[in-house]
Amino acid sequence: MKIHQSMLFERPGRHNTDRCMEAVRQYVAEHGKTHVVVASTTGTTAMAFAGV
């Protein structure tokens, strides 16, 4: 059986980006993933994930 964890934020916004990135880092480390697809409306989140 697979168990997946989800995160829901009360309000959208840039203030959630760091928490989202940390959850993704943890998932990637635990599951050995090498690629991540990031949806970004303005590019801010994509640039944060890219380390720019």
N, C-alpha and C. Protein backbone atom coordinates (compact mmCIF):
# COMPACT_ATOMS: atom_id res chain seq x y z
N MET A 1 0.85 -1.18 0.00
CA MET A 1 0.00 0.00 0.00
C MET A 1 0.89 1.24 0.00
N LYS A 2 0.56 2.20 -0.83
CA LYS A 2 1.28 3.47 -0.87
C LYS A 2 0.48 4.52 -0.13
N ILE A 3 1.18 5.32 0.63
CA ILE A 3 0.55 6.44 1.33
C ILE A 3 1.21 7.71 0.83
N HIS A 4 0.40 8.65 0.39
CA HIS A 4 0.91 9.93 -0.11
C HIS A 4 0.48 11.04 0.83
N GLN A 5 1.37 11.99 1.01
CA GLN A 5 1.09 13.13 1.87
C GLN A 5 0.79 14.35 1.00
N SER A 6 -0.17 15.15 1.42
CA SER A 6 -0.52 16.38 0.71
C SER A 6 -0.40 17.56 1.66
N MET A 7 -0.10 18.73 1.09
CA MET A 7 -0.07 19.97 1.86
C MET A 7 -1.13 20.89 1.30
N LEU A 8 -1.93 21.46 2.17
CA LEU A 8 -2.93 22.44 1.77
C LEU A 8 -2.66 23.72 2.55
N PHE A 9 -2.61 24.83 1.84
CA PHE A 9 -2.38 26.12 2.48
C PHE A 9 -3.71 26.86 2.58
N GLU A 10 -3.88 27.60 3.66
CA GLU A 10 -5.14 28.32 3.87
C GLU A 10 -5.34 29.42 2.83
N ARG A 11 -4.25 30.07 2.44
CA ARG A 11 -4.33 31.15 1.44
C ARG A 11 -3.19 30.99 0.45
N PRO A 12 -3.43 31.30 -0.82
CA PRO A 12 -2.35 31.25 -1.79
C PRO A 12 -1.39 32.42 -1.58
N GLY A 13 -0.21 32.27 -2.09
CA GLY A 13 0.72 33.40 -2.03
C GLY A 13 2.17 32.96 -1.90
N ARG A 14 3.04 33.94 -2.12
CA ARG A 14 4.48 33.69 -2.09
C ARG A 14 4.96 33.22 -0.72
N HIS A 15 4.22 33.55 0.32
CA HIS A 15 4.64 33.16 1.67
C HIS A 15 4.62 31.64 1.86
N ASN A 16 4.02 30.91 0.94
CA ASN A 16 3.99 29.44 1.02
C ASN A 16 5.15 28.76 0.30
N THR A 17 5.89 29.52 -0.50
CA THR A 17 6.92 28.93 -1.36
C THR A 17 7.98 28.17 -0.58
N ASP A 18 8.50 28.76 0.48
CA ASP A 18 9.57 28.09 1.24
C ASP A 18 9.10 26.77 1.84
N ARG A 19 7.90 26.74 2.39
CA ARG A 19 7.37 25.50 2.97
C ARG A 19 7.15 24.45 1.88
N CYS A 20 6.69 24.88 0.73
CA CYS A 20 6.49 23.97 -0.39
C CYS A 20 7.83 23.41 -0.87
N MET A 21 8.82 24.27 -0.99
CA MET A 21 10.15 23.83 -1.44
C MET A 21 10.74 22.82 -0.46
N GLU A 22 10.59 23.05 0.82
CA GLU A 22 11.12 22.12 1.81
C GLU A 22 10.44 20.76 1.71
N ALA A 23 9.13 20.74 1.49
CA ALA A 23 8.41 19.48 1.33
C ALA A 23 8.90 18.73 0.09
N VAL A 24 9.14 19.45 -0.99
CA VAL A 24 9.64 18.83 -2.22
C VAL A 24 11.05 18.29 -2.00
N ARG A 25 11.91 19.07 -1.35
CA ARG A 25 13.27 18.59 -1.05
C ARG A 25 13.24 17.28 -0.26
N GLN A 26 12.37 17.23 0.73
CA GLN A 26 12.25 16.03 1.56
C GLN A 26 11.78 14.85 0.73
N TYR A 27 10.77 15.06 -0.10
CA TYR A 27 10.24 13.99 -0.94
C TYR A 27 11.31 13.47 -1.90
N VAL A 28 12.01 14.40 -2.55
CA VAL A 28 13.06 14.03 -3.51
C VAL A 28 14.14 13.20 -2.83
N ALA A 29 14.56 13.63 -1.64
CA ALA A 29 15.60 12.91 -0.91
C ALA A 29 15.14 11.51 -0.51
N GLU A 30 13.91 11.39 -0.06
CA GLU A 30 13.40 10.10 0.41
C GLU A 30 13.13 9.12 -0.73
N HIS A 31 12.82 9.64 -1.92
CA HIS A 31 12.43 8.76 -3.02
C HIS A 31 13.44 8.70 -4.16
N GLY A 32 14.58 9.37 -4.01
CA GLY A 32 15.63 9.29 -5.01
C GLY A 32 15.28 9.90 -6.36
N LYS A 33 14.42 10.86 -6.37
CA LYS A 33 14.04 11.51 -7.63
C LYS A 33 15.14 12.46 -8.09
N THR A 34 15.26 12.65 -9.39
CA THR A 34 16.28 13.54 -9.93
C THR A 34 15.70 14.72 -10.69
N HIS A 35 14.40 14.68 -11.00
CA HIS A 35 13.76 15.76 -11.74
C HIS A 35 12.45 16.15 -11.06
N VAL A 36 12.12 17.44 -11.13
CA VAL A 36 10.88 17.96 -10.56
C VAL A 36 10.28 18.92 -11.57
N VAL A 37 8.98 18.82 -11.80
CA VAL A 37 8.26 19.76 -12.66
C VAL A 37 7.59 20.78 -11.75
N VAL A 38 7.81 22.07 -12.04
CA VAL A 38 7.28 23.14 -11.21
C VAL A 38 6.35 24.02 -12.03
N ALA A 39 5.10 24.14 -11.58
CA ALA A 39 4.15 25.06 -12.22
C ALA A 39 4.33 26.43 -11.60
N SER A 40 4.41 27.46 -12.43
CA SER A 40 4.65 28.80 -11.92
C SER A 40 3.97 29.82 -12.83
N THR A 41 3.13 30.65 -12.26
CA THR A 41 2.41 31.65 -13.04
C THR A 41 3.32 32.80 -13.45
N THR A 42 4.10 33.32 -12.51
CA THR A 42 4.95 34.48 -12.80
C THR A 42 6.41 34.12 -13.01
N GLY A 43 6.78 32.90 -12.68
CA GLY A 43 8.17 32.48 -12.79
C GLY A 43 8.93 32.56 -11.48
N THR A 44 8.37 33.22 -10.49
CA THR A 44 9.05 33.39 -9.20
C THR A 44 9.32 32.04 -8.54
N THR A 45 8.33 31.18 -8.49
CA THR A 45 8.51 29.87 -7.86
C THR A 45 9.48 29.01 -8.66
N ALA A 46 9.37 29.04 -9.97
CA ALA A 46 10.29 28.27 -10.81
C ALA A 46 11.73 28.72 -10.60
N MET A 47 11.95 30.02 -10.51
CA MET A 47 13.29 30.55 -10.29
C MET A 47 13.80 30.15 -8.90
N ALA A 48 12.93 30.13 -7.91
CA ALA A 48 13.33 29.73 -6.57
C ALA A 48 13.77 28.26 -6.57
N PHE A 49 13.01 27.41 -7.24
CA PHE A 49 13.38 26.00 -7.31
C PHE A 49 14.66 25.80 -8.11
N ALA A 50 14.89 26.65 -9.09
CA ALA A 50 16.11 26.54 -9.90
C ALA A 50 17.33 27.08 -9.17
N GLY A 51 17.09 27.77 -8.06
CA GLY A 51 18.21 28.30 -7.28
C GLY A 51 18.73 29.62 -7.80
N VAL A 52 17.92 30.32 -8.57
CA VAL A 52 18.33 31.61 -9.14
C VAL A 52 17.95 32.73 -8.21
